[in-house]
Structures are given as structure tokens and as C-alpha cells.
All heavy atoms as atom14 arrays in JSON, in Angstrom:
{
  "sequence": "STFSEIAMITEIGIAKGVDVGITSIKAIKDGIISNELSLTVTAAALE",
  "atom14_mask": [
    [1, 1, 1, 1, 1, 1, 0, 0, 0, 0, 0, 0, 0, 0],
    [1, 1, 1, 1, 1, 1, 1, 0, 0, 0, 0, 0, 0, 0],
    [1, 1, 1, 1, 1, 1, 1, 1, 1, 1, 1, 0, 0, 0],
    [1, 1, 1, 1, 1, 1, 0, 0, 0, 0, 0, 0, 0, 0],
    [1, 1, 1, 1, 1, 1, 1, 1, 1, 0, 0, 0, 0, 0],
    [1, 1, 1, 1, 1, 1, 1, 1, 0, 0, 0, 0, 0, 0],
    [1, 1, 1, 1, 1, 0, 0, 0, 0, 0, 0, 0, 0, 0],
    [1, 1, 1, 1, 1, 1, 1, 1, 0, 0, 0, 0, 0, 0],
    [1, 1, 1, 1, 1, 1, 1, 1, 0, 0, 0, 0, 0, 0],
    [1, 1, 1, 1, 1, 1, 1, 0, 0, 0, 0, 0, 0, 0],
    [1, 1, 1, 1, 1, 1, 1, 1, 1, 0, 0, 0, 0, 0],
    [1, 1, 1, 1, 1, 1, 1, 1, 0, 0, 0, 0, 0, 0],
    [1, 1, 1, 1, 0, 0, 0, 0, 0, 0, 0, 0, 0, 0],
    [1, 1, 1, 1, 1, 1, 1, 1, 0, 0, 0, 0, 0, 0],
    [1, 1, 1, 1, 1, 0, 0, 0, 0, 0, 0, 0, 0, 0],
    [1, 1, 1, 1, 1, 1, 1, 1, 1, 0, 0, 0, 0, 0],
    [1, 1, 1, 1, 0, 0, 0, 0, 0, 0, 0, 0, 0, 0],
    [1, 1, 1, 1, 1, 1, 1, 0, 0, 0, 0, 0, 0, 0],
    [1, 1, 1, 1, 1, 1, 1, 1, 0, 0, 0, 0, 0, 0],
    [1, 1, 1, 1, 1, 1, 1, 0, 0, 0, 0, 0, 0, 0],
    [1, 1, 1, 1, 0, 0, 0, 0, 0, 0, 0, 0, 0, 0],
    [1, 1, 1, 1, 1, 1, 1, 1, 0, 0, 0, 0, 0, 0],
    [1, 1, 1, 1, 1, 1, 1, 0, 0, 0, 0, 0, 0, 0],
    [1, 1, 1, 1, 1, 1, 0, 0, 0, 0, 0, 0, 0, 0],
    [1, 1, 1, 1, 1, 1, 1, 1, 0, 0, 0, 0, 0, 0],
    [1, 1, 1, 1, 1, 1, 1, 1, 1, 0, 0, 0, 0, 0],
    [1, 1, 1, 1, 1, 0, 0, 0, 0, 0, 0, 0, 0, 0],
    [1, 1, 1, 1, 1, 1, 1, 1, 0, 0, 0, 0, 0, 0],
    [1, 1, 1, 1, 1, 1, 1, 1, 1, 0, 0, 0, 0, 0],
    [1, 1, 1, 1, 1, 1, 1, 1, 0, 0, 0, 0, 0, 0],
    [1, 1, 1, 1, 0, 0, 0, 0, 0, 0, 0, 0, 0, 0],
    [1, 1, 1, 1, 1, 1, 1, 1, 0, 0, 0, 0, 0, 0],
    [1, 1, 1, 1, 1, 1, 1, 1, 0, 0, 0, 0, 0, 0],
    [1, 1, 1, 1, 1, 1, 0, 0, 0, 0, 0, 0, 0, 0],
    [1, 1, 1, 1, 1, 1, 1, 1, 0, 0, 0, 0, 0, 0],
    [1, 1, 1, 1, 1, 1, 1, 1, 1, 0, 0, 0, 0, 0],
    [1, 1, 1, 1, 1, 1, 1, 1, 0, 0, 0, 0, 0, 0],
    [1, 1, 1, 1, 1, 1, 0, 0, 0, 0, 0, 0, 0, 0],
    [1, 1, 1, 1, 1, 1, 1, 1, 0, 0, 0, 0, 0, 0],
    [1, 1, 1, 1, 1, 1, 1, 0, 0, 0, 0, 0, 0, 0],
    [1, 1, 1, 1, 1, 1, 1, 0, 0, 0, 0, 0, 0, 0],
    [1, 1, 1, 1, 1, 1, 1, 0, 0, 0, 0, 0, 0, 0],
    [1, 1, 1, 1, 1, 0, 0, 0, 0, 0, 0, 0, 0, 0],
    [1, 1, 1, 1, 1, 0, 0, 0, 0, 0, 0, 0, 0, 0],
    [1, 1, 1, 1, 1, 0, 0, 0, 0, 0, 0, 0, 0, 0],
    [1, 1, 1, 1, 1, 1, 1, 1, 0, 0, 0, 0, 0, 0],
    [1, 1, 1, 1, 1, 1, 1, 1, 1, 0, 0, 0, 0, 0]
  ],
  "atom14_positions": [
    [[68.59, 59.06, -24.39], [69.45, 57.86, -24.28], [70.87, 58.33, -24.21], [71.32, 59.18, -25.02], [69.23, 56.99, -25.51], [70.19, 55.94, -25.56], [0.0, 0.0, 0.0], [0.0, 0.0, 0.0], [0.0, 0.0, 0.0], [0.0, 0.0, 0.0], [0.0, 0.0, 0.0], [0.0, 0.0, 0.0], [0.0, 0.0, 0.0], [0.0, 0.0, 0.0]],
    [[71.61, 57.8, -23.25], [72.99, 58.26, -23.07], [73.82, 58.03, -24.32], [74.59, 58.9, -24.72], [73.64, 57.51, -21.89], [72.84, 57.72, -20.7], [75.05, 58.0, -21.63], [0.0, 0.0, 0.0], [0.0, 0.0, 0.0], [0.0, 0.0, 0.0], [0.0, 0.0, 0.0], [0.0, 0.0, 0.0], [0.0, 0.0, 0.0], [0.0, 0.0, 0.0]],
    [[73.62, 56.88, -24.95], [74.35, 56.56, -26.19], [73.32, 56.28, -27.3], [72.86, 55.15, -27.43], [75.3, 55.38, -25.99], [76.33, 55.6, -24.92], [76.23, 54.97, -23.68], [77.4, 56.46, -25.13], [77.17, 55.16, -22.69], [78.34, 56.67, -24.15], [78.24, 56.02, -22.92], [0.0, 0.0, 0.0], [0.0, 0.0, 0.0], [0.0, 0.0, 0.0]],
    [[73.0, 57.32, -28.06], [71.98, 57.16, -29.09], [72.46, 56.27, -30.23], [71.65, 55.78, -31.01], [71.57, 58.53, -29.64], [72.71, 59.23, -30.13], [0.0, 0.0, 0.0], [0.0, 0.0, 0.0], [0.0, 0.0, 0.0], [0.0, 0.0, 0.0], [0.0, 0.0, 0.0], [0.0, 0.0, 0.0], [0.0, 0.0, 0.0], [0.0, 0.0, 0.0]],
    [[73.78, 56.08, -30.34], [74.28, 55.18, -31.36], [74.04, 53.71, -30.99], [74.14, 52.82, -31.83], [75.77, 55.41, -31.61], [76.7, 55.03, -30.46], [76.89, 56.16, -29.44], [76.07, 57.11, -29.45], [77.86, 56.08, -28.68], [0.0, 0.0, 0.0], [0.0, 0.0, 0.0], [0.0, 0.0, 0.0], [0.0, 0.0, 0.0], [0.0, 0.0, 0.0]],
    [[73.7, 53.46, -29.72], [73.35, 52.09, -29.28], [71.84, 51.94, -29.27], [71.33, 50.91, -29.75], [73.94, 51.81, -27.89], [75.47, 51.76, -27.99], [73.37, 50.53, -27.28], [76.18, 51.59, -26.68], [0.0, 0.0, 0.0], [0.0, 0.0, 0.0], [0.0, 0.0, 0.0], [0.0, 0.0, 0.0], [0.0, 0.0, 0.0], [0.0, 0.0, 0.0]],
    [[71.13, 52.92, -28.74], [69.66, 52.89, -28.78], [69.13, 54.3, -28.82], [69.56, 55.17, -28.04], [69.11, 52.17, -27.55], [0.0, 0.0, 0.0], [0.0, 0.0, 0.0], [0.0, 0.0, 0.0], [0.0, 0.0, 0.0], [0.0, 0.0, 0.0], [0.0, 0.0, 0.0], [0.0, 0.0, 0.0], [0.0, 0.0, 0.0], [0.0, 0.0, 0.0]],
    [[68.24, 54.57, -29.75], [67.6, 55.87, -29.81], [66.18, 55.75, -29.22], [65.64, 54.66, -29.18], [67.52, 56.36, -31.27], [66.71, 55.45, -32.19], [66.56, 56.13, -33.88], [68.29, 56.15, -34.37], [0.0, 0.0, 0.0], [0.0, 0.0, 0.0], [0.0, 0.0, 0.0], [0.0, 0.0, 0.0], [0.0, 0.0, 0.0], [0.0, 0.0, 0.0]],
    [[65.66, 56.86, -28.73], [64.34, 56.81, -28.11], [63.48, 57.95, -28.64], [63.96, 59.07, -28.85], [64.46, 56.88, -26.57], [63.09, 56.6, -25.91], [65.07, 58.17, -26.08], [63.18, 56.23, -24.46], [0.0, 0.0, 0.0], [0.0, 0.0, 0.0], [0.0, 0.0, 0.0], [0.0, 0.0, 0.0], [0.0, 0.0, 0.0], [0.0, 0.0, 0.0]],
    [[62.21, 57.67, -28.91], [61.29, 58.63, -29.5], [60.74, 59.59, -28.45], [60.97, 59.41, -27.24], [60.12, 57.93, -30.22], [59.34, 57.26, -29.22], [60.63, 56.9, -31.22], [0.0, 0.0, 0.0], [0.0, 0.0, 0.0], [0.0, 0.0, 0.0], [0.0, 0.0, 0.0], [0.0, 0.0, 0.0], [0.0, 0.0, 0.0], [0.0, 0.0, 0.0]],
    [[59.96, 60.55, -28.9], [59.37, 61.55, -28.01], [58.33, 60.93, -27.08], [57.97, 61.53, -26.06], [58.71, 62.68, -28.83], [59.7, 63.5, -29.63], [59.0, 64.56, -30.46], [57.75, 64.52, -30.53], [59.69, 65.41, -31.05], [0.0, 0.0, 0.0], [0.0, 0.0, 0.0], [0.0, 0.0, 0.0], [0.0, 0.0, 0.0], [0.0, 0.0, 0.0]],
    [[57.82, 59.75, -27.44], [56.81, 59.13, -26.58], [57.39, 57.93, -25.81], [56.63, 57.15, -25.23], [55.58, 58.67, -27.41], [55.99, 57.71, -28.51], [54.87, 59.89, -27.98], [54.8, 57.14, -29.28], [0.0, 0.0, 0.0], [0.0, 0.0, 0.0], [0.0, 0.0, 0.0], [0.0, 0.0, 0.0], [0.0, 0.0, 0.0], [0.0, 0.0, 0.0]],
    [[58.71, 57.79, -25.81], [59.34, 56.8, -24.94], [59.5, 55.41, -25.53], [59.5, 54.43, -24.77], [0.0, 0.0, 0.0], [0.0, 0.0, 0.0], [0.0, 0.0, 0.0], [0.0, 0.0, 0.0], [0.0, 0.0, 0.0], [0.0, 0.0, 0.0], [0.0, 0.0, 0.0], [0.0, 0.0, 0.0], [0.0, 0.0, 0.0], [0.0, 0.0, 0.0]],
    [[59.65, 55.28, -26.84], [59.9, 53.96, -27.45], [61.33, 53.92, -27.94], [61.73, 54.67, -28.83], [58.93, 53.67, -28.61], [57.48, 53.68, -28.09], [59.25, 52.34, -29.27], [56.45, 53.47, -29.19], [0.0, 0.0, 0.0], [0.0, 0.0, 0.0], [0.0, 0.0, 0.0], [0.0, 0.0, 0.0], [0.0, 0.0, 0.0], [0.0, 0.0, 0.0]],
    [[62.12, 53.0, -27.35], [63.55, 52.89, -27.69], [63.73, 51.83, -28.77], [63.05, 50.81, -28.78], [64.35, 52.54, -26.46], [0.0, 0.0, 0.0], [0.0, 0.0, 0.0], [0.0, 0.0, 0.0], [0.0, 0.0, 0.0], [0.0, 0.0, 0.0], [0.0, 0.0, 0.0], [0.0, 0.0, 0.0], [0.0, 0.0, 0.0], [0.0, 0.0, 0.0]],
    [[64.66, 52.08, -29.69], [65.0, 51.11, -30.74], [66.48, 50.79, -30.64], [67.32, 51.67, -30.55], [64.67, 51.67, -32.11], [65.06, 50.7, -33.24], [64.75, 51.28, -34.62], [65.16, 50.29, -35.7], [64.87, 50.81, -37.09], [0.0, 0.0, 0.0], [0.0, 0.0, 0.0], [0.0, 0.0, 0.0], [0.0, 0.0, 0.0], [0.0, 0.0, 0.0]],
    [[66.79, 49.47, -30.66], [68.17, 49.03, -30.64], [68.85, 49.31, -31.96], [68.42, 48.86, -32.99], [0.0, 0.0, 0.0], [0.0, 0.0, 0.0], [0.0, 0.0, 0.0], [0.0, 0.0, 0.0], [0.0, 0.0, 0.0], [0.0, 0.0, 0.0], [0.0, 0.0, 0.0], [0.0, 0.0, 0.0], [0.0, 0.0, 0.0], [0.0, 0.0, 0.0]],
    [[69.92, 50.1, -31.91], [70.64, 50.5, -33.12], [71.92, 49.68, -33.31], [72.24, 49.29, -34.42], [70.98, 52.0, -33.09], [71.75, 52.42, -34.32], [69.71, 52.81, -32.98], [0.0, 0.0, 0.0], [0.0, 0.0, 0.0], [0.0, 0.0, 0.0], [0.0, 0.0, 0.0], [0.0, 0.0, 0.0], [0.0, 0.0, 0.0], [0.0, 0.0, 0.0]],
    [[72.61, 49.42, -32.21], [73.85, 48.67, -32.28], [74.08, 47.94, -30.96], [73.45, 48.26, -29.94], [75.03, 49.59, -32.57], [76.23, 48.87, -33.16], [76.16, 47.63, -33.3], [77.23, 49.52, -33.49], [0.0, 0.0, 0.0], [0.0, 0.0, 0.0], [0.0, 0.0, 0.0], [0.0, 0.0, 0.0], [0.0, 0.0, 0.0], [0.0, 0.0, 0.0]],
    [[74.97, 46.97, -30.98], [75.22, 46.17, -29.77], [75.93, 47.02, -28.73], [76.89, 47.73, -29.02], [76.08, 44.93, -30.13], [76.43, 44.14, -28.89], [75.32, 44.05, -31.13], [0.0, 0.0, 0.0], [0.0, 0.0, 0.0], [0.0, 0.0, 0.0], [0.0, 0.0, 0.0], [0.0, 0.0, 0.0], [0.0, 0.0, 0.0], [0.0, 0.0, 0.0]],
    [[75.44, 46.96, -27.5], [76.06, 47.73, -26.41], [75.06, 47.99, -25.29], [73.98, 47.41, -25.24], [0.0, 0.0, 0.0], [0.0, 0.0, 0.0], [0.0, 0.0, 0.0], [0.0, 0.0, 0.0], [0.0, 0.0, 0.0], [0.0, 0.0, 0.0], [0.0, 0.0, 0.0], [0.0, 0.0, 0.0], [0.0, 0.0, 0.0], [0.0, 0.0, 0.0]],
    [[75.45, 48.9, -24.36], [74.62, 49.26, -23.22], [74.45, 50.77, -23.16], [75.43, 51.52, -23.33], [75.23, 48.76, -21.9], [75.4, 47.24, -21.92], [74.37, 49.16, -20.72], [76.13, 46.68, -20.71], [0.0, 0.0, 0.0], [0.0, 0.0, 0.0], [0.0, 0.0, 0.0], [0.0, 0.0, 0.0], [0.0, 0.0, 0.0], [0.0, 0.0, 0.0]],
    [[73.23, 51.22, -22.9], [72.98, 52.65, -22.76], [72.03, 52.86, -21.57], [71.55, 51.89, -20.98], [72.35, 53.24, -24.05], [72.28, 54.68, -23.92], [70.98, 52.67, -24.31], [0.0, 0.0, 0.0], [0.0, 0.0, 0.0], [0.0, 0.0, 0.0], [0.0, 0.0, 0.0], [0.0, 0.0, 0.0], [0.0, 0.0, 0.0], [0.0, 0.0, 0.0]],
    [[71.78, 54.12, -21.22], [70.88, 54.44, -20.11], [69.74, 55.33, -20.65], [69.96, 56.21, -21.46], [71.6, 55.19, -19.02], [72.55, 54.33, -18.37], [0.0, 0.0, 0.0], [0.0, 0.0, 0.0], [0.0, 0.0, 0.0], [0.0, 0.0, 0.0], [0.0, 0.0, 0.0], [0.0, 0.0, 0.0], [0.0, 0.0, 0.0], [0.0, 0.0, 0.0]],
    [[68.54, 55.04, -20.15], [67.36, 55.79, -20.55], [66.85, 56.61, -19.37], [66.8, 56.1, -18.25], [66.23, 54.85, -21.04], [66.72, 53.94, -22.18], [65.0, 55.65, -21.45], [67.14, 54.69, -23.41], [0.0, 0.0, 0.0], [0.0, 0.0, 0.0], [0.0, 0.0, 0.0], [0.0, 0.0, 0.0], [0.0, 0.0, 0.0], [0.0, 0.0, 0.0]],
    [[66.5, 57.87, -19.61], [65.93, 58.7, -18.54], [64.96, 59.71, -19.15], [64.91, 59.87, -20.38], [67.04, 59.43, -17.77], [67.84, 60.41, -18.59], [68.95, 61.03, -17.77], [69.81, 61.98, -18.62], [70.93, 62.56, -17.83], [0.0, 0.0, 0.0], [0.0, 0.0, 0.0], [0.0, 0.0, 0.0], [0.0, 0.0, 0.0], [0.0, 0.0, 0.0]],
    [[64.2, 60.38, -18.29], [63.22, 61.38, -18.74], [63.37, 62.64, -17.89], [63.74, 62.57, -16.7], [61.79, 60.82, -18.62], [0.0, 0.0, 0.0], [0.0, 0.0, 0.0], [0.0, 0.0, 0.0], [0.0, 0.0, 0.0], [0.0, 0.0, 0.0], [0.0, 0.0, 0.0], [0.0, 0.0, 0.0], [0.0, 0.0, 0.0], [0.0, 0.0, 0.0]],
    [[63.11, 63.79, -18.48], [63.26, 65.1, -17.81], [62.03, 65.94, -18.07], [61.51, 65.98, -19.21], [64.52, 65.84, -18.3], [65.78, 64.99, -18.11], [64.66, 67.19, -17.61], [67.01, 65.59, -18.75], [0.0, 0.0, 0.0], [0.0, 0.0, 0.0], [0.0, 0.0, 0.0], [0.0, 0.0, 0.0], [0.0, 0.0, 0.0], [0.0, 0.0, 0.0]],
    [[61.55, 66.62, -17.02], [60.43, 67.59, -17.17], [60.52, 68.63, -16.07], [60.7, 68.28, -14.9], [59.1, 66.84, -17.11], [57.86, 67.79, -17.26], [56.58, 66.98, -17.17], [55.35, 67.87, -17.17], [55.22, 68.62, -18.43], [0.0, 0.0, 0.0], [0.0, 0.0, 0.0], [0.0, 0.0, 0.0], [0.0, 0.0, 0.0], [0.0, 0.0, 0.0]],
    [[60.43, 69.88, -16.49], [60.47, 71.0, -15.53], [61.67, 70.93, -14.61], [61.59, 71.23, -13.41], [59.17, 71.05, -14.71], [57.93, 71.25, -15.57], [58.08, 71.79, -16.71], [56.85, 70.85, -15.15], [0.0, 0.0, 0.0], [0.0, 0.0, 0.0], [0.0, 0.0, 0.0], [0.0, 0.0, 0.0], [0.0, 0.0, 0.0], [0.0, 0.0, 0.0]],
    [[62.79, 70.51, -15.15], [64.0, 70.43, -14.35], [64.11, 69.2, -13.47], [65.11, 69.0, -12.79], [0.0, 0.0, 0.0], [0.0, 0.0, 0.0], [0.0, 0.0, 0.0], [0.0, 0.0, 0.0], [0.0, 0.0, 0.0], [0.0, 0.0, 0.0], [0.0, 0.0, 0.0], [0.0, 0.0, 0.0], [0.0, 0.0, 0.0], [0.0, 0.0, 0.0]],
    [[63.06, 68.39, -13.46], [63.06, 67.16, -12.67], [63.58, 66.0, -13.52], [63.08, 65.76, -14.62], [61.65, 66.81, -12.16], [61.06, 67.99, -11.38], [61.69, 65.55, -11.31], [61.83, 68.34, -10.13], [0.0, 0.0, 0.0], [0.0, 0.0, 0.0], [0.0, 0.0, 0.0], [0.0, 0.0, 0.0], [0.0, 0.0, 0.0], [0.0, 0.0, 0.0]],
    [[64.61, 65.32, -13.05], [65.22, 64.2, -13.78], [64.78, 62.9, -13.16], [64.8, 62.72, -11.93], [66.75, 64.29, -13.75], [67.22, 65.63, -14.36], [67.38, 63.13, -14.54], [68.71, 65.86, -14.27], [0.0, 0.0, 0.0], [0.0, 0.0, 0.0], [0.0, 0.0, 0.0], [0.0, 0.0, 0.0], [0.0, 0.0, 0.0], [0.0, 0.0, 0.0]],
    [[64.36, 61.98, -13.99], [63.87, 60.69, -13.51], [65.01, 59.78, -13.1], [66.2, 60.12, -13.24], [63.07, 59.98, -14.63], [63.96, 59.5, -15.61], [0.0, 0.0, 0.0], [0.0, 0.0, 0.0], [0.0, 0.0, 0.0], [0.0, 0.0, 0.0], [0.0, 0.0, 0.0], [0.0, 0.0, 0.0], [0.0, 0.0, 0.0], [0.0, 0.0, 0.0]],
    [[64.65, 58.61, -12.62], [65.64, 57.54, -12.42], [66.16, 57.12, -13.79], [65.56, 57.4, -14.83], [64.98, 56.34, -11.73], [63.79, 55.81, -12.53], [62.89, 56.56, -12.91], [63.78, 54.52, -12.78], [0.0, 0.0, 0.0], [0.0, 0.0, 0.0], [0.0, 0.0, 0.0], [0.0, 0.0, 0.0], [0.0, 0.0, 0.0], [0.0, 0.0, 0.0]],
    [[67.3, 56.43, -13.83], [67.87, 55.93, -15.09], [67.74, 54.42, -15.13], [67.94, 53.74, -14.14], [69.35, 56.34, -15.21], [69.57, 57.82, -15.41], [71.01, 58.14, -15.75], [71.76, 57.2, -16.06], [71.39, 59.33, -15.73], [0.0, 0.0, 0.0], [0.0, 0.0, 0.0], [0.0, 0.0, 0.0], [0.0, 0.0, 0.0], [0.0, 0.0, 0.0]],
    [[67.39, 53.92, -16.34], [67.29, 52.47, -16.56], [68.3, 52.06, -17.6], [68.43, 52.69, -18.65], [65.88, 52.09, -17.01], [64.77, 52.29, -15.98], [63.43, 51.87, -16.58], [65.04, 51.46, -14.71], [0.0, 0.0, 0.0], [0.0, 0.0, 0.0], [0.0, 0.0, 0.0], [0.0, 0.0, 0.0], [0.0, 0.0, 0.0], [0.0, 0.0, 0.0]],
    [[69.03, 50.99, -17.3], [70.04, 50.48, -18.23], [69.37, 49.6, -19.27], [68.57, 48.74, -18.97], [71.09, 49.67, -17.45], [72.05, 49.13, -18.35], [0.0, 0.0, 0.0], [0.0, 0.0, 0.0], [0.0, 0.0, 0.0], [0.0, 0.0, 0.0], [0.0, 0.0, 0.0], [0.0, 0.0, 0.0], [0.0, 0.0, 0.0], [0.0, 0.0, 0.0]],
    [[69.71, 49.84, -20.54], [69.15, 49.07, -21.66], [70.29, 48.42, -22.44], [71.18, 49.11, -22.93], [68.33, 49.99, -22.58], [67.73, 49.34, -23.82], [66.68, 48.28, -23.42], [67.1, 50.37, -24.72], [0.0, 0.0, 0.0], [0.0, 0.0, 0.0], [0.0, 0.0, 0.0], [0.0, 0.0, 0.0], [0.0, 0.0, 0.0], [0.0, 0.0, 0.0]],
    [[70.23, 47.1, -22.54], [71.27, 46.34, -23.28], [70.72, 45.93, -24.65], [69.62, 45.4, -24.75], [71.67, 45.07, -22.5], [72.18, 45.47, -21.23], [72.73, 44.28, -23.25], [0.0, 0.0, 0.0], [0.0, 0.0, 0.0], [0.0, 0.0, 0.0], [0.0, 0.0, 0.0], [0.0, 0.0, 0.0], [0.0, 0.0, 0.0], [0.0, 0.0, 0.0]],
    [[71.52, 46.2, -25.67], [71.14, 45.81, -27.03], [72.08, 44.69, -27.48], [73.3, 44.84, -27.48], [71.25, 47.0, -28.02], [70.87, 46.57, -29.44], [70.38, 48.16, -27.57], [0.0, 0.0, 0.0], [0.0, 0.0, 0.0], [0.0, 0.0, 0.0], [0.0, 0.0, 0.0], [0.0, 0.0, 0.0], [0.0, 0.0, 0.0], [0.0, 0.0, 0.0]],
    [[71.48, 43.54, -27.81], [72.28, 42.38, -28.24], [72.26, 42.28, -29.78], [71.59, 43.04, -30.45], [71.74, 41.09, -27.62], [70.38, 40.91, -28.03], [71.79, 41.17, -26.09], [0.0, 0.0, 0.0], [0.0, 0.0, 0.0], [0.0, 0.0, 0.0], [0.0, 0.0, 0.0], [0.0, 0.0, 0.0], [0.0, 0.0, 0.0], [0.0, 0.0, 0.0]],
    [[72.99, 41.29, -30.29], [73.08, 41.09, -31.75], [71.71, 40.87, -32.35], [70.77, 40.39, -31.69], [73.97, 39.9, -32.05], [0.0, 0.0, 0.0], [0.0, 0.0, 0.0], [0.0, 0.0, 0.0], [0.0, 0.0, 0.0], [0.0, 0.0, 0.0], [0.0, 0.0, 0.0], [0.0, 0.0, 0.0], [0.0, 0.0, 0.0], [0.0, 0.0, 0.0]],
    [[71.56, 41.26, -33.63], [70.28, 41.13, -34.32], [69.78, 39.68, -34.3], [70.57, 38.73, -34.4], [70.42, 41.61, -35.78], [0.0, 0.0, 0.0], [0.0, 0.0, 0.0], [0.0, 0.0, 0.0], [0.0, 0.0, 0.0], [0.0, 0.0, 0.0], [0.0, 0.0, 0.0], [0.0, 0.0, 0.0], [0.0, 0.0, 0.0], [0.0, 0.0, 0.0]],
    [[68.47, 39.54, -34.17], [67.85, 38.21, -34.12], [67.33, 37.8, -35.49], [66.81, 38.63, -36.25], [66.71, 38.2, -33.11], [0.0, 0.0, 0.0], [0.0, 0.0, 0.0], [0.0, 0.0, 0.0], [0.0, 0.0, 0.0], [0.0, 0.0, 0.0], [0.0, 0.0, 0.0], [0.0, 0.0, 0.0], [0.0, 0.0, 0.0], [0.0, 0.0, 0.0]],
    [[67.43, 36.51, -35.76], [66.86, 35.94, -36.99], [65.34, 35.96, -36.88], [64.79, 35.37, -35.94], [67.4, 34.53, -37.22], [66.86, 33.8, -38.44], [67.29, 34.49, -39.73], [67.36, 32.35, -38.44], [0.0, 0.0, 0.0], [0.0, 0.0, 0.0], [0.0, 0.0, 0.0], [0.0, 0.0, 0.0], [0.0, 0.0, 0.0], [0.0, 0.0, 0.0]],
    [[64.66, 36.6, -37.8], [63.21, 36.73, -37.73], [62.47, 35.82, -38.73], [61.38, 35.33, -38.43], [62.79, 38.18, -37.95], [63.21, 39.11, -36.81], [62.61, 40.49, -36.93], [62.36, 40.93, -38.08], [62.42, 41.14, -35.91], [0.0, 0.0, 0.0], [0.0, 0.0, 0.0], [0.0, 0.0, 0.0], [0.0, 0.0, 0.0], [0.0, 0.0, 0.0]]
  ]
}
């Protein structure tokens, strides 16, 4: 994740929203870089 303070991502590809903002998610293997996806984290929701 480009900005792990906004969203962190696990080794199996599950991202968690940490703070409000926008980050990019990508994957790398054997020097091959994937496409990037933008992930927006909004304010916490009432559960």
C-alpha cells in the first residue's frame, strides 16, 4: 500500500482502513509489478 498509514494490507491481500484518505494497492512477484488500484478510506461507520 502506497500509504500504509491510510490502509495496510496483509500478505494474502486483505486491506484494512486505518485513517481517512486515499492510497494505492499493488502486487509484485519475480520483478513483475501489477496494475495499481486506488483505495479510499472514509470516516469510521457507526456499527
